[in-house]
């Protein structure tokens, strides 16, 4: 029994060290990386495939769109999604403010999560981005990206307010 307790405490100590070590790497986003991410999105919305593709990593990529069918693992597949978005938006989309930014950096890999306003047809929607960047030749290159349009008023807390006792 004592040995099991010692083992559990040792494991808990190791987990705590990993959590605190990870927290030490978490930081506010570096201006250079946030600028790179925004330049990538600005080029995407503007229909500038040359600028978009220049920011993609030379490593294998994985780009997740907001629809389950939008999943690209090559620049060619991602270009097809890019072309479909351009056709749908007809040059009428733009981006606004960036908020809720967080970054986790460890060596040549960084994650950057943020929300950015997407504007089209008189509507403004928040879009959340979760991105992974790899340092290649002194420049951050996009390896993975996922985006989603978050709901408003449909959090568990909001839903429970309408259903007392649940």
Protein backbone atom coordinates (compact mmCIF):
# COMPACT_ATOMS: atom_id res chain seq x y z
CA UNK A 1 0.00 0.00 0.00
CA UNK A 2 2.82 2.40 0.94
CA UNK A 3 4.65 1.55 -2.29
CA UNK A 4 1.54 2.32 -4.36
CA UNK A 5 1.14 5.66 -2.57
CA UNK A 6 4.82 6.51 -3.16
CA UNK A 7 4.47 5.58 -6.85
CA UNK A 8 1.34 7.72 -7.22
CA UNK A 9 3.00 10.67 -5.50
CA UNK A 10 6.07 10.33 -7.70
CA UNK A 11 3.89 10.26 -10.84
CA UNK A 12 1.89 13.25 -9.60
CA UNK A 13 5.15 15.13 -9.00
CA UNK A 14 6.36 14.37 -12.53
CA UNK A 15 3.04 15.49 -14.02
CA UNK A 16 3.17 18.72 -11.99
CA UNK A 17 6.70 19.41 -13.24
CA UNK A 18 5.60 18.89 -16.84
CA UNK A 19 2.59 21.18 -16.39
CA UNK A 20 4.67 23.93 -14.78
CA UNK A 21 7.44 23.53 -17.35
CA UNK A 22 4.86 23.91 -20.12
CA UNK A 23 3.39 26.96 -18.43
CA UNK A 24 6.83 28.52 -18.36
CA UNK A 25 6.92 28.36 -22.15
CA UNK A 26 3.46 29.91 -22.56
CA UNK A 27 3.63 33.61 -23.32
CA UNK A 28 1.84 36.39 -25.04
CA UNK A 29 2.23 36.20 -28.77
CA UNK A 30 5.41 37.52 -30.28
CA UNK A 31 4.64 40.51 -32.51
CA UNK A 32 6.56 38.94 -35.42
CA UNK A 33 4.56 35.71 -35.38
CA UNK A 34 1.22 37.45 -34.91
CA UNK A 35 2.13 39.74 -37.80
CA UNK A 36 2.98 36.69 -39.95
CA UNK A 37 -0.34 35.01 -39.06
CA UNK A 38 -2.31 38.15 -39.87
CA UNK A 39 -0.40 38.63 -43.14
CA UNK A 40 -1.28 35.04 -44.08
CA UNK A 41 -4.99 35.59 -43.39
CA UNK A 42 -5.03 39.00 -45.09
CA UNK A 43 -3.48 37.43 -48.19
CA UNK A 44 -5.98 34.56 -48.06
CA UNK A 45 -9.00 36.87 -47.90
CA UNK A 46 -7.52 39.15 -50.58
CA UNK A 47 -7.16 36.18 -52.95
CA UNK A 48 -3.36 36.35 -53.08
CA UNK A 49 -2.38 32.68 -53.46
CA UNK A 50 1.29 33.56 -54.03
CA UNK A 51 1.56 35.20 -50.61
CA UNK A 52 -0.47 32.42 -48.96
CA UNK A 53 1.61 29.61 -50.43
CA UNK A 54 4.86 31.41 -49.50
CA UNK A 55 3.86 31.15 -45.82
CA UNK A 56 3.13 27.40 -45.97
CA UNK A 57 5.72 25.05 -44.49
CA UNK A 58 7.85 22.82 -46.68
CA UNK A 59 6.91 20.06 -44.18
CA UNK A 60 3.62 18.17 -44.60
CA UNK A 61 0.66 20.46 -43.83
CA UNK A 62 -2.82 19.90 -42.42
CA UNK A 63 -5.38 22.66 -42.96
CA UNK A 64 -8.84 22.20 -41.42
CA UNK A 65 -11.66 24.46 -42.56
CA UNK A 66 -14.88 25.05 -40.65
CA UNK A 67 -16.76 22.38 -42.64
CA UNK A 68 -15.81 18.74 -42.08
CA UNK A 69 -15.19 18.31 -45.83
CA UNK A 70 -12.56 21.08 -45.77
CA UNK A 71 -9.36 19.21 -44.94
CA UNK A 72 -6.19 19.63 -46.97
CA UNK A 73 -2.89 17.81 -46.54
CA UNK A 74 -1.12 19.25 -49.58
CA UNK A 75 -0.71 22.70 -51.09
CA UNK A 76 -2.71 21.50 -54.13
CA UNK A 77 -5.69 20.42 -52.01
CA UNK A 78 -5.48 23.63 -50.00
CA UNK A 79 -5.42 25.65 -53.25
CA UNK A 80 -8.73 24.01 -54.24
CA UNK A 81 -10.29 25.17 -50.95
CA UNK A 82 -8.76 28.62 -51.43
CA UNK A 83 -10.26 28.86 -54.94
CA UNK A 84 -13.70 27.80 -53.68
CA UNK A 85 -13.61 30.46 -50.95
CA UNK A 86 -12.61 33.14 -53.46
CA UNK A 87 -15.46 32.15 -55.76
CA UNK A 88 -17.94 32.18 -52.86
CA UNK A 89 -16.79 35.52 -51.44
CA UNK A 90 -16.48 37.28 -54.84
CA UNK A 91 -13.98 39.75 -53.39
CA UNK A 92 -16.44 40.90 -50.73
CA UNK A 93 -14.70 39.55 -47.62
CA UNK A 94 -12.37 41.37 -45.26
CA UNK A 95 -10.85 40.88 -41.85
CA UNK A 96 -10.98 43.04 -38.75
CA UNK A 97 -9.51 42.98 -35.29
CA UNK A 98 -7.50 40.16 -33.75
CA UNK A 99 -8.24 39.21 -30.13
CA UNK A 100 -7.95 36.40 -27.58
CA UNK A 101 -4.37 35.66 -28.61
CA UNK A 102 -2.30 32.95 -26.97
CA UNK A 103 1.00 31.38 -27.95
CA UNK A 104 2.96 28.37 -26.78
CA UNK A 105 6.55 28.23 -27.92
CA UNK A 106 9.01 25.34 -27.63
CA UNK A 107 12.11 25.31 -29.83
CA UNK A 108 11.35 25.54 -33.54
CA UNK A 109 7.60 24.94 -33.03
CA UNK A 110 5.01 27.45 -31.87
CA UNK A 111 1.26 27.31 -31.54
CA UNK A 112 -0.70 30.50 -32.01
CA UNK A 113 -4.41 30.60 -31.20
CA UNK A 114 -6.52 33.70 -31.77
CA UNK A 115 -9.88 35.09 -32.82
CA UNK A 116 -10.23 37.39 -35.81
CA UNK A 117 -13.25 39.26 -37.15
CA UNK A 118 -14.43 38.10 -40.58
CA UNK A 119 -16.63 40.53 -42.49
CA UNK A 120 -18.84 39.69 -45.45
CA UNK A 121 -22.19 40.86 -46.76
CA UNK A 122 -22.72 43.39 -43.98
CA UNK A 123 -22.11 40.76 -41.29
CA UNK A 124 -19.21 40.44 -38.89
CA UNK A 125 -18.44 37.00 -37.47
CA UNK A 126 -15.74 35.95 -35.04
CA UNK A 127 -13.54 33.16 -36.39
CA UNK A 128 -11.22 31.22 -34.09
CA UNK A 129 -7.92 30.00 -35.45
CA UNK A 130 -5.65 27.36 -33.96
CA UNK A 131 -2.34 27.36 -35.82
CA UNK A 132 1.00 25.55 -35.58
CA UNK A 133 4.14 27.18 -36.94
CA UNK A 134 7.60 25.76 -37.64
CA UNK A 135 10.76 27.84 -37.83
CA UNK A 136 12.35 27.25 -41.25
CA UNK A 137 15.32 29.29 -42.48
CA UNK A 138 14.67 31.96 -39.85
CA UNK A 139 10.98 32.38 -40.84
CA UNK A 140 7.82 31.00 -39.26
CA UNK A 141 5.98 28.74 -41.70
CA UNK A 142 2.45 27.39 -41.25
CA UNK A 143 2.25 23.64 -40.64
CA UNK A 144 -1.29 23.22 -39.31
CA UNK A 145 -4.38 25.39 -39.07
CA UNK A 146 -7.93 24.85 -37.93
CA UNK A 147 -10.69 27.40 -37.79
CA UNK A 148 -14.22 27.51 -36.47
CA UNK A 149 -17.00 30.03 -36.17
CA UNK A 150 -17.86 29.94 -32.45
CA UNK A 151 -21.46 30.06 -31.30
CA UNK A 152 -22.88 32.92 -29.26
CA UNK A 153 -25.25 32.26 -26.37
CA UNK A 154 -24.92 28.49 -26.61
CA UNK A 155 -22.33 27.78 -23.92
CA UNK A 156 -23.24 25.17 -21.33
CA UNK A 157 -23.84 27.98 -18.80
CA UNK A 158 -26.14 29.85 -21.21
CA UNK A 159 -28.08 26.72 -22.06
CA UNK A 160 -28.49 25.80 -18.40
CA UNK A 161 -29.93 29.24 -17.63
CA UNK A 162 -32.88 28.35 -19.84
CA UNK A 163 -33.29 24.91 -18.21
CA UNK A 164 -33.20 25.28 -14.40
CA UNK A 165 -32.72 22.05 -12.52
CA UNK A 166 -30.82 20.33 -15.33
